């Protein structure tokens, strides 16, 4: 190669450079991909769980213009990680093959609890729904029926999502229809508790028949049967508010509202539980004296069990605003009915 003035040499006119051979190198074979882009991008699966930007070229072509080259374009910022809440809920890739570790699995591996409680917003919605139940009970049976139907629908939908079954429209619809059937039976039987047990027995049998007709594998059918029966049982059991006296419904609903809000306060768990039961008992005492305090305390214990169930294993936001709202009230319904009858 002859000496040329600075800037007069065009590297792309050199036949060796055009074929991917630099001066001082021997061409061992003809490169069939020389006419393609210099940067190759793999399209197969890798261990990476996030999309990475293409690798920039290792060199920049020599500009024939002696003027200064423009500043290089900065590489795009890497994707946000799961630590700041904007990325996927999985850990970084590993070479051991376990490339997708959920937050719950990581918490267990680190010895932490995989439980996330619903928080204050669902607790306030539970309190609002409880106050609507209490107000409806004071106004009459059909006024109570409106918030009760909302409670039963949230219970059926939240239970299926809590168990990881979504979409499960057939099971949700079946559980909700069972609750409506129980409500109708209660109204036709002058609010007899036997209507709840009869409807529950019929719906268990109906759920069993529907699952036997399913073409899924046996394990999946058993899991679906269990979820369907429990969802229907909880939604139907919430009809206990319709079977109880108006005064008992008022006491129980107000007590659950006070207890769930107190449970959501930022306190240590043992202290929070004691405060919640005490707040529920105090609310019940304010409504109906000592008998109301006992009903309120019993309803609060059942409500806290439902609250704990809705906190299981890193539940989603949908679970918190369905099961987290409804399960405390639905779980307290049988206790309200039974304690009111015992103490009356």
Protein backbone atom coordinates (compact mmCIF):
# COMPACT_ATOMS: atom_id res chain seq x y z
CA UNK A 1 0.00 0.00 0.00
CA UNK A 2 1.49 3.33 -1.08
CA UNK A 3 1.76 6.32 1.15
CA UNK A 4 -1.12 8.70 0.76
CA UNK A 5 -1.90 12.04 2.34
CA UNK A 6 -3.88 11.99 5.60
CA UNK A 7 -7.55 11.60 4.85
CA UNK A 8 -7.00 10.55 1.20
CA UNK A 9 -7.04 6.86 1.97
CA UNK A 10 -10.50 5.25 1.85
CA UNK A 11 -10.44 1.96 3.78
CA UNK A 12 -13.60 0.79 2.12
CA UNK A 13 -11.95 0.84 -1.34
CA UNK A 14 -9.32 -1.63 -0.25
CA UNK A 15 -10.40 -5.09 -1.52
CA UNK A 16 -8.85 -6.83 1.48
CA UNK A 17 -10.67 -4.56 3.95
CA UNK A 18 -13.92 -5.10 2.02
CA UNK A 19 -13.56 -8.83 2.53
CA UNK A 20 -12.92 -8.50 6.28
CA UNK A 21 -9.10 -8.91 6.04
CA UNK A 22 -6.98 -6.21 7.63
CA UNK A 23 -3.46 -5.32 6.44
CA UNK A 24 -0.91 -7.80 7.70
CA UNK A 25 -3.41 -10.68 7.84
CA UNK A 26 -3.85 -13.61 5.46
CA UNK A 27 -7.26 -14.56 4.17
CA UNK A 28 -7.72 -18.17 5.13
CA UNK A 29 -11.11 -18.61 3.50
CA UNK A 30 -13.80 -16.57 1.91
CA UNK A 31 -16.33 -15.23 4.41
CA UNK A 32 -19.85 -15.89 3.01
CA UNK A 33 -21.36 -13.41 5.51
CA UNK A 34 -19.14 -10.49 4.62
CA UNK A 35 -22.03 -8.62 3.01
CA UNK A 36 -24.10 -8.72 6.20
CA UNK A 37 -24.04 -6.38 9.16
CA UNK A 38 -20.95 -6.39 11.32
CA UNK A 39 -22.94 -7.02 14.47
CA UNK A 40 -24.79 -10.30 14.84
CA UNK A 41 -27.79 -10.66 17.14
CA UNK A 42 -28.70 -14.05 18.53
CA UNK A 43 -32.35 -14.99 18.22
CA UNK A 44 -32.31 -18.17 20.30
CA UNK A 45 -33.10 -18.59 23.99
CA UNK A 46 -30.43 -17.59 26.48
CA UNK A 47 -30.13 -17.52 30.25
CA UNK A 48 -31.01 -13.85 30.34
CA UNK A 49 -34.51 -13.04 31.66
CA UNK A 50 -34.52 -9.45 30.41
CA UNK A 51 -34.08 -8.08 26.94
CA UNK A 52 -30.55 -6.74 26.47
CA UNK A 53 -29.61 -4.01 24.00
CA UNK A 54 -27.62 -5.16 20.95
CA UNK A 55 -23.86 -5.09 21.41
CA UNK A 56 -22.29 -2.04 19.80
CA UNK A 57 -19.65 -2.51 17.12
CA UNK A 58 -16.16 -2.98 18.47
CA UNK A 59 -14.78 -0.25 16.25
CA UNK A 60 -15.96 2.74 14.29
CA UNK A 61 -15.20 3.00 10.56
CA UNK A 62 -12.41 5.40 9.69
CA UNK A 63 -13.90 8.56 8.36
CA UNK A 64 -12.34 9.91 5.14
CA UNK A 65 -13.11 13.38 6.41
CA UNK A 66 -10.36 14.69 8.70
CA UNK A 67 -12.95 16.65 10.62
CA UNK A 68 -13.55 15.38 14.14
CA UNK A 69 -16.00 12.50 14.32
CA UNK A 70 -19.30 13.09 16.16
CA UNK A 71 -19.67 11.95 19.72
CA UNK A 72 -20.81 8.32 20.02
CA UNK A 73 -24.46 7.73 20.82
CA UNK A 74 -24.79 6.61 24.46
CA UNK A 75 -26.03 3.09 25.00
CA UNK A 76 -29.59 2.73 26.27
CA UNK A 77 -30.02 2.45 30.01
CA UNK A 78 -30.46 -1.10 31.32
CA UNK A 79 -33.92 -2.29 32.24
CA UNK A 80 -35.13 -1.57 35.76
CA UNK A 81 -34.74 -4.39 38.17
CA UNK A 82 -37.36 -5.91 40.42
CA UNK A 83 -35.81 -4.11 43.40
CA UNK A 84 -37.44 -0.80 42.50
CA UNK A 85 -40.82 -2.40 41.84
CA UNK A 86 -40.89 -1.67 38.11
CA UNK A 87 -39.40 -4.90 36.81
CA UNK A 88 -40.57 -8.52 36.81
CA UNK A 89 -41.08 -10.29 40.10
CA UNK A 90 -38.22 -12.73 39.46
CA UNK A 91 -34.65 -12.80 40.58
CA UNK A 92 -31.58 -12.56 38.35
CA UNK A 93 -30.61 -15.42 36.09
CA UNK A 94 -28.37 -18.11 37.50
CA UNK A 95 -26.04 -20.65 35.95
CA UNK A 96 -27.60 -23.45 37.96
CA UNK A 97 -30.76 -23.50 35.90
CA UNK A 98 -33.04 -21.79 38.45
CA UNK A 99 -33.50 -18.61 36.43
CA UNK A 100 -36.98 -17.61 37.62
CA UNK A 101 -37.26 -17.36 41.38
CA UNK A 102 -40.38 -15.69 42.72
CA UNK A 103 -40.43 -13.33 45.68
CA UNK A 104 -42.18 -15.96 47.81
CA UNK A 105 -39.52 -18.59 47.02
CA UNK A 106 -36.74 -16.12 47.75
CA UNK A 107 -38.37 -15.15 51.05
CA UNK A 108 -38.58 -18.79 52.13
CA UNK A 109 -34.96 -19.42 51.12
CA UNK A 110 -33.87 -16.43 53.19
CA UNK A 111 -35.94 -17.48 56.18
CA UNK A 112 -38.43 -14.62 55.84
CA UNK A 113 -42.21 -14.90 55.93
CA UNK A 114 -43.88 -14.95 52.49
CA UNK A 115 -46.95 -13.21 53.91
CA UNK A 116 -48.17 -9.80 52.77
CA UNK A 117 -51.20 -8.44 54.59
CA UNK A 118 -53.86 -6.54 52.62
CA UNK A 119 -53.11 -3.19 54.27
CA UNK A 120 -55.19 -0.16 55.14
CA UNK A 121 -57.03 0.42 51.85
CA UNK A 122 -58.71 -3.03 51.76
CA UNK A 123 -59.39 -2.66 55.49
CA UNK A 124 -61.21 0.61 54.87
CA UNK A 125 -63.26 -1.06 52.11
CA UNK A 126 -64.10 -3.88 54.52
CA UNK A 127 -65.18 -1.32 57.10
CA UNK A 128 -67.32 0.47 54.52
CA UNK A 129 -68.99 -2.77 53.46
CA UNK A 130 -69.54 -3.70 57.11
CA UNK A 131 -71.19 -0.36 57.81
CA UNK A 132 -73.42 -0.85 54.76
CA UNK A 133 -74.44 -4.25 56.13
CA UNK A 134 -75.19 -2.70 59.52
CA UNK A 135 -77.20 0.11 57.97
CA UNK A 136 -79.07 -2.28 55.70
CA UNK A 137 -79.99 -4.48 58.64
CA UNK A 138 -81.52 -1.48 60.38
CA UNK A 139 -83.50 -0.50 57.28
CA UNK A 140 -84.89 -3.95 56.48
CA UNK A 141 -84.28 -7.31 54.87
CA UNK A 142 -84.12 -6.17 51.27
CA UNK A 143 -81.85 -3.24 52.13
CA UNK A 144 -79.50 -5.74 53.75
CA UNK A 145 -79.64 -7.92 50.65
CA UNK A 146 -77.83 -5.37 48.43
CA UNK A 147 -74.47 -5.19 50.29
CA UNK A 148 -74.77 -8.89 51.09
CA UNK A 149 -74.83 -9.81 47.40
CA UNK A 150 -71.74 -7.64 46.83
CA UNK A 151 -69.99 -9.43 49.70
CA UNK A 152 -70.85 -12.85 48.29
CA UNK A 153 -69.60 -11.96 44.80
CA UNK A 154 -66.28 -10.66 46.15
CA UNK A 155 -65.91 -13.79 48.25
CA UNK A 156 -66.36 -16.19 45.31
CA UNK A 157 -64.04 -14.27 42.98
CA UNK A 158 -61.37 -13.63 45.59
CA UNK A 159 -61.16 -17.23 46.73
CA UNK A 160 -60.39 -18.56 43.25
CA UNK A 161 -57.72 -15.94 42.61
CA UNK A 162 -56.24 -16.56 46.06
CA UNK A 163 -55.76 -20.20 45.05
CA UNK A 164 -54.05 -19.22 41.79
CA UNK A 165 -56.95 -20.27 39.58
CA UNK A 166 -57.60 -17.53 37.04
CA UNK A 167 -59.57 -17.25 34.91
CA UNK A 168 -62.08 -19.58 36.57
CA UNK A 169 -65.36 -18.08 35.40
CA UNK A 170 -67.31 -21.30 35.75
CA UNK A 171 -66.26 -21.84 39.37
CA UNK A 172 -66.82 -18.19 40.31
CA UNK A 173 -70.24 -18.20 38.68
CA UNK A 174 -71.14 -21.47 40.39
CA UNK A 175 -70.16 -20.18 43.83
CA UNK A 176 -71.99 -16.90 43.33
CA UNK A 177 -75.13 -18.66 42.07
CA UNK A 178 -75.02 -20.88 45.16
CA UNK A 179 -74.99 -17.77 47.34
CA UNK A 180 -77.94 -16.30 45.45
CA UNK A 181 -79.82 -19.58 45.78
CA UNK A 182 -79.17 -19.58 49.53
CA UNK A 183 -80.43 -16.00 49.81
CA UNK A 184 -83.60 -16.90 47.91
CA UNK A 185 -84.12 -19.98 50.11
CA UNK A 186 -83.68 -17.85 53.24
CA UNK A 187 -86.26 -15.35 52.06
CA UNK A 188 -88.75 -18.08 51.11
CA UNK A 189 -88.27 -19.94 54.40
CA UNK A 190 -88.65 -16.86 56.59
CA UNK A 191 -84.85 -16.72 57.13
CA UNK A 192 -84.49 -20.25 58.48
CA UNK A 193 -80.84 -21.36 58.94
CA UNK A 194 -81.74 -24.76 57.48
CA UNK A 195 -81.92 -23.09 54.08
CA UNK A 196 -78.18 -22.41 54.23
CA UNK A 197 -77.31 -26.03 55.02
CA UNK A 198 -79.67 -27.37 52.36
CA UNK A 199 -78.28 -25.10 49.66
CA UNK A 200 -74.73 -25.95 50.64
CA UNK A 201 -75.43 -29.70 50.32
CA UNK A 202 -77.01 -29.27 46.89
CA UNK A 203 -74.11 -27.13 45.66
CA UNK A 204 -71.48 -29.58 46.84
CA UNK A 205 -73.22 -32.31 44.85
CA UNK A 206 -73.55 -30.04 41.81
CA UNK A 207 -69.87 -29.11 41.96
CA UNK A 208 -68.92 -32.78 42.16
CA UNK A 209 -71.00 -33.65 39.08
CA UNK A 210 -69.52 -30.79 37.06
CA UNK A 211 -65.96 -31.73 37.94
CA UNK A 212 -66.58 -35.37 37.01
CA UNK A 213 -67.63 -34.21 33.57
CA UNK A 214 -64.38 -32.29 33.14
CA UNK A 215 -61.72 -33.63 30.75
CA UNK A 216 -58.79 -32.36 32.84
CA UNK A 217 -56.35 -34.69 34.56
CA UNK A 218 -57.38 -36.11 37.96
CA UNK A 219 -55.14 -33.85 40.05
CA UNK A 220 -56.43 -30.72 38.36
CA UNK A 221 -60.02 -31.87 38.72
CA UNK A 222 -59.55 -32.50 42.43
CA UNK A 223 -57.96 -29.09 42.89
CA UNK A 224 -60.80 -27.43 40.97
CA UNK A 225 -63.40 -29.33 42.98
CA UNK A 226 -61.86 -28.23 46.27
CA UNK A 227 -61.66 -24.58 45.23
CA UNK A 228 -65.22 -24.59 43.90
CA UNK A 229 -66.71 -26.21 47.00
CA UNK A 230 -64.87 -23.86 49.39
CA UNK A 231 -65.76 -20.76 47.37
CA UNK A 232 -69.42 -21.77 47.31
CA UNK A 233 -69.36 -22.63 51.02
CA UNK A 234 -67.88 -19.26 51.99
CA UNK A 235 -70.27 -17.32 49.77
CA UNK A 236 -73.25 -19.27 51.07
CA UNK A 237 -72.09 -18.95 54.68
CA UNK A 238 -72.06 -15.18 54.27
CA UNK A 239 -75.84 -15.51 54.07
CA UNK A 240 -75.74 -15.94 57.83
CA UNK A 241 -76.18 -12.17 58.04
CA UNK A 242 -79.56 -12.62 56.37
CA UNK A 243 -80.54 -15.36 58.82
CA UNK A 244 -79.50 -13.44 61.95
CA UNK A 245 -81.48 -10.78 63.78
CA UNK A 246 -81.03 -7.21 62.69
CA UNK A 247 -79.45 -6.24 66.01
CA UNK A 248 -76.91 -9.06 65.78
CA UNK A 249 -76.01 -8.09 62.19
CA UNK A 250 -75.46 -4.50 63.29
CA UNK A 251 -73.23 -5.53 66.18
CA UNK A 252 -71.22 -8.03 64.17
CA UNK A 253 -70.72 -5.81 61.11
CA UNK A 254 -69.66 -2.80 63.18
CA UNK A 255 -67.31 -4.95 65.25
CA UNK A 256 -65.65 -6.45 62.17
CA UNK A 257 -65.26 -2.96 60.67
CA UNK A 258 -63.50 -1.70 63.80
CA UNK A 259 -61.37 -4.82 64.22
CA UNK A 260 -60.08 -4.96 60.63
CA UNK A 261 -59.11 -1.29 60.63
CA UNK A 262 -57.30 -1.75 63.93
CA UNK A 263 -55.53 -4.81 62.53
CA UNK A 264 -54.19 -2.74 59.63
CA UNK A 265 -52.41 -0.29 61.94
CA UNK A 266 -48.58 -0.42 61.78
CA UNK A 267 -48.10 -2.43 64.96
CA UNK A 268 -46.32 -5.71 65.75
CA UNK A 269 -48.52 -8.65 64.83
CA UNK A 270 -49.29 -9.92 68.37
CA UNK A 271 -50.07 -6.41 69.56
CA UNK A 272 -52.14 -5.71 66.46
CA UNK A 273 -54.27 -8.82 67.00
CA UNK A 274 -54.98 -7.92 70.62
CA UNK A 275 -55.82 -4.34 69.68
CA UNK A 276 -58.13 -5.54 66.90
CA UNK A 277 -60.11 -7.88 69.16
CA UNK A 278 -60.32 -5.20 71.86
CA UNK A 279 -61.52 -2.61 69.32
CA UNK A 280 -64.17 -5.01 68.02
CA UNK A 281 -65.36 -5.83 71.52
CA UNK A 282 -65.52 -2.15 72.36
CA UNK A 283 -67.53 -1.42 69.23
CA UNK A 284 -69.92 -4.24 70.07
CA UNK A 285 -70.28 -2.98 73.61
CA UNK A 286 -71.11 0.46 72.32
CA UNK A 287 -73.91 -0.93 70.17
CA UNK A 288 -75.46 -3.57 72.46
CA UNK A 289 -73.78 -3.61 75.85
CA UNK A 290 -72.04 -6.67 77.29
CA UNK A 291 -73.79 -9.12 74.97
CA UNK A 292 -72.67 -7.00 72.03
CA UNK A 293 -69.11 -7.07 73.34
CA UNK A 294 -69.09 -10.89 73.32
CA UNK A 295 -70.60 -11.05 69.84
CA UNK A 296 -68.12 -8.44 68.62
CA UNK A 297 -65.12 -10.27 70.07
CA UNK A 298 -66.21 -13.60 68.55
CA UNK A 299 -66.87 -11.99 65.18
CA UNK A 300 -63.46 -10.30 65.31
CA UNK A 301 -61.65 -13.59 65.92
CA UNK A 302 -63.29 -15.15 62.86
CA UNK A 303 -62.66 -11.99 60.84
CA UNK A 304 -58.96 -12.06 61.70
CA UNK A 305 -58.77 -15.67 60.51
CA UNK A 306 -60.24 -14.59 57.18
CA UNK A 307 -57.82 -11.67 57.08
CA UNK A 308 -54.90 -14.03 57.66
CA UNK A 309 -56.03 -16.38 54.90
CA UNK A 310 -56.19 -13.49 52.43
CA UNK A 311 -52.55 -12.66 53.30
CA UNK A 312 -51.11 -16.01 52.22
CA UNK A 313 -48.03 -16.35 49.99
CA UNK A 314 -47.52 -12.97 48.36
CA UNK A 315 -51.07 -12.48 47.07
CA UNK A 316 -51.73 -10.08 44.23
CA UNK A 317 -53.41 -6.70 44.42
CA UNK A 318 -56.57 -8.28 43.01
CA UNK A 319 -56.62 -10.75 45.90
CA UNK A 320 -56.21 -7.97 48.44
CA UNK A 321 -59.14 -6.02 47.01
CA UNK A 322 -61.45 -9.03 46.72
CA UNK A 323 -60.61 -11.76 49.23
CA UNK A 324 -58.87 -9.27 51.50
CA UNK A 325 -62.05 -7.20 51.64
CA UNK A 326 -64.64 -9.97 51.75
CA UNK A 327 -63.16 -12.85 53.73
CA UNK A 328 -63.16 -11.10 57.13
CA UNK A 329 -66.87 -10.35 56.84
CA UNK A 330 -67.77 -13.70 55.27
CA UNK A 331 -65.89 -15.67 57.94
CA UNK A 332 -67.59 -13.70 60.72
CA UNK A 333 -71.15 -14.31 59.47
CA UNK A 334 -71.67 -17.77 61.08
CA UNK A 335 -70.21 -16.54 64.37
CA UNK A 336 -72.58 -13.57 64.41
CA UNK A 337 -75.58 -15.80 63.86
CA UNK A 338 -74.58 -18.49 66.38
CA UNK A 339 -73.42 -16.17 69.15
CA UNK A 340 -76.49 -14.01 68.84
CA UNK A 341 -78.76 -17.05 69.25
CA UNK A 342 -76.75 -18.37 72.21
CA UNK A 343 -76.68 -15.04 74.05
CA UNK A 344 -80.27 -14.05 73.32
